[in-house]
Amino acid sequence: MNTDIHKTNNLPAIIFVVVLLLSASIAVYNINQSHQQTSPETWTAFIYKNGYESAKYEMEDGFEDYSSCKLFATSLSDKFDQAPWQCGLRCRFDSMRQGYQCESMENH
């Protein structure tokens, strides 16, 4: 009979721990779902008029694929005496770094 009392006393603690673990699991799952990429693939062209190290660049965004971004970037690069260029995938302005951050950058 004494063991029945101990089992009954532990029941609320066990239920609390199970609910806590379940809540933590649901929270982690929701965080992972919200961080999955759902935005469309957009490309941004960067043409560095005075080289990569300068802060002066021309930027054009809204390209649907890399090839159209590259076509625009290379034609504008020719106007600036073969200035270096890059196309970035899903770029956004990062206010902490005061510049654009992209998932990937390509120029081939």
Protein backbone atom coordinates (compact mmCIF):
# COMPACT_ATOMS: atom_id res chain seq x y z
CA MET A 1 0.00 0.00 0.00
CA ASN A 2 2.88 2.30 0.76
CA THR A 3 4.20 1.95 -2.81
CA ASP A 4 0.83 2.98 -4.23
CA ILE A 5 1.09 6.29 -2.40
CA HIS A 6 4.56 6.97 -3.85
CA LYS A 7 3.36 6.17 -7.38
CA THR A 8 0.42 8.53 -6.98
CA ASN A 9 2.65 11.30 -5.64
CA ASN A 10 4.99 11.05 -8.65
CA LEU A 11 2.20 11.15 -11.21
CA PRO A 12 1.91 14.99 -11.38
CA ALA A 13 5.69 15.32 -11.73
CA ILE A 14 5.78 12.74 -14.52
CA ILE A 15 2.92 14.44 -16.35
CA PHE A 16 4.67 17.82 -15.97
CA VAL A 17 7.95 16.47 -17.41
CA VAL A 18 6.16 14.81 -20.33
CA VAL A 19 4.23 18.01 -21.13
CA LEU A 20 7.45 20.04 -20.85
CA LEU A 21 9.34 17.73 -23.23
CA LEU A 22 6.43 17.69 -25.65
CA SER A 23 6.25 21.50 -25.61
CA ALA A 24 10.00 21.80 -26.22
CA SER A 25 9.79 19.34 -29.12
CA ILE A 26 6.93 21.27 -30.71
CA ALA A 27 8.83 24.56 -30.31
CA VAL A 28 11.97 23.15 -31.97
CA TYR A 29 9.89 21.72 -34.83
CA ASN A 30 8.15 25.08 -35.40
CA ILE A 31 11.44 26.98 -35.35
CA ASN A 32 12.91 24.61 -37.95
CA GLN A 33 9.83 24.98 -40.16
CA SER A 34 9.98 28.78 -40.03
CA HIS A 35 13.65 28.80 -41.07
CA GLN A 36 13.13 26.72 -44.19
CA GLN A 37 13.55 28.67 -47.41
CA THR A 38 10.21 29.52 -48.95
CA SER A 39 11.15 32.61 -50.95
CA PRO A 40 11.47 32.34 -54.74
CA GLU A 41 14.85 32.23 -56.43
CA THR A 42 15.82 35.80 -57.27
CA TRP A 43 19.20 37.03 -58.44
CA THR A 44 20.88 40.42 -58.00
CA ALA A 45 23.67 41.79 -60.21
CA PHE A 46 26.56 43.71 -58.63
CA ILE A 47 29.01 45.55 -60.91
CA TYR A 48 32.02 46.99 -59.06
CA LYS A 49 32.95 50.08 -61.10
CA ASN A 50 36.23 50.69 -59.23
CA GLY A 51 37.11 47.09 -58.32
CA TYR A 52 35.96 44.74 -55.58
CA GLU A 53 37.55 46.77 -52.79
CA SER A 54 35.69 49.98 -53.58
CA ALA A 55 32.33 50.85 -52.11
CA LYS A 56 31.03 52.03 -55.49
CA TYR A 57 28.95 49.52 -57.34
CA GLU A 58 25.93 49.35 -59.57
CA MET A 59 23.19 47.00 -58.43
CA GLU A 60 20.13 45.64 -60.19
CA ASP A 61 17.82 43.04 -58.68
CA GLY A 62 14.81 40.99 -59.67
CA PHE A 63 16.37 38.52 -62.11
CA GLU A 64 14.57 35.17 -62.23
CA ASP A 65 17.63 33.09 -63.09
CA TYR A 66 21.41 33.26 -63.06
CA SER A 67 21.77 33.45 -66.84
CA SER A 68 19.69 36.63 -67.15
CA CYS A 69 21.58 38.19 -64.24
CA LYS A 70 24.91 37.27 -65.86
CA LEU A 71 23.84 38.70 -69.22
CA PHE A 72 22.94 42.03 -67.62
CA ALA A 73 26.08 42.11 -65.44
CA THR A 74 28.49 41.35 -68.26
CA SER A 75 26.94 43.94 -70.57
CA LEU A 76 27.15 46.62 -67.87
CA SER A 77 30.66 45.47 -66.96
CA ASP A 78 31.71 46.19 -70.55
CA LYS A 79 30.49 49.78 -70.19
CA PHE A 80 32.76 50.22 -67.15
CA ASP A 81 35.93 48.93 -68.82
CA GLN A 82 35.47 45.26 -67.89
CA ALA A 83 34.63 46.00 -64.27
CA PRO A 84 34.36 42.96 -62.00
CA TRP A 85 30.84 41.69 -61.42
CA GLN A 86 28.93 39.12 -59.39
CA CYS A 87 25.41 37.76 -59.27
CA GLY A 88 23.98 37.01 -55.85
CA LEU A 89 21.18 34.61 -54.96
CA ARG A 90 18.44 35.86 -52.56
CA CYS A 91 20.24 39.03 -51.48
CA ARG A 92 18.98 41.26 -48.70
CA PHE A 93 20.29 44.35 -46.98
CA ASP A 94 21.93 43.65 -43.61
CA SER A 95 21.69 46.79 -41.47
CA MET A 96 24.20 45.45 -38.94
CA ARG A 97 26.90 45.14 -41.62
CA GLN A 98 25.60 48.06 -43.68
CA GLY A 99 25.69 46.06 -46.87
CA TYR A 100 24.02 43.35 -48.90
CA GLN A 101 24.25 39.70 -47.89
CA CYS A 102 23.45 36.92 -50.34
CA GLU A 103 23.05 33.16 -49.96
CA SER A 104 25.63 32.66 -52.70
CA MET A 105 27.64 34.77 -55.12
CA GLU A 106 28.73 33.65 -58.60
CA ASN A 107 30.59 35.18 -61.52
CA HIS A 108 31.45 32.47 -64.01
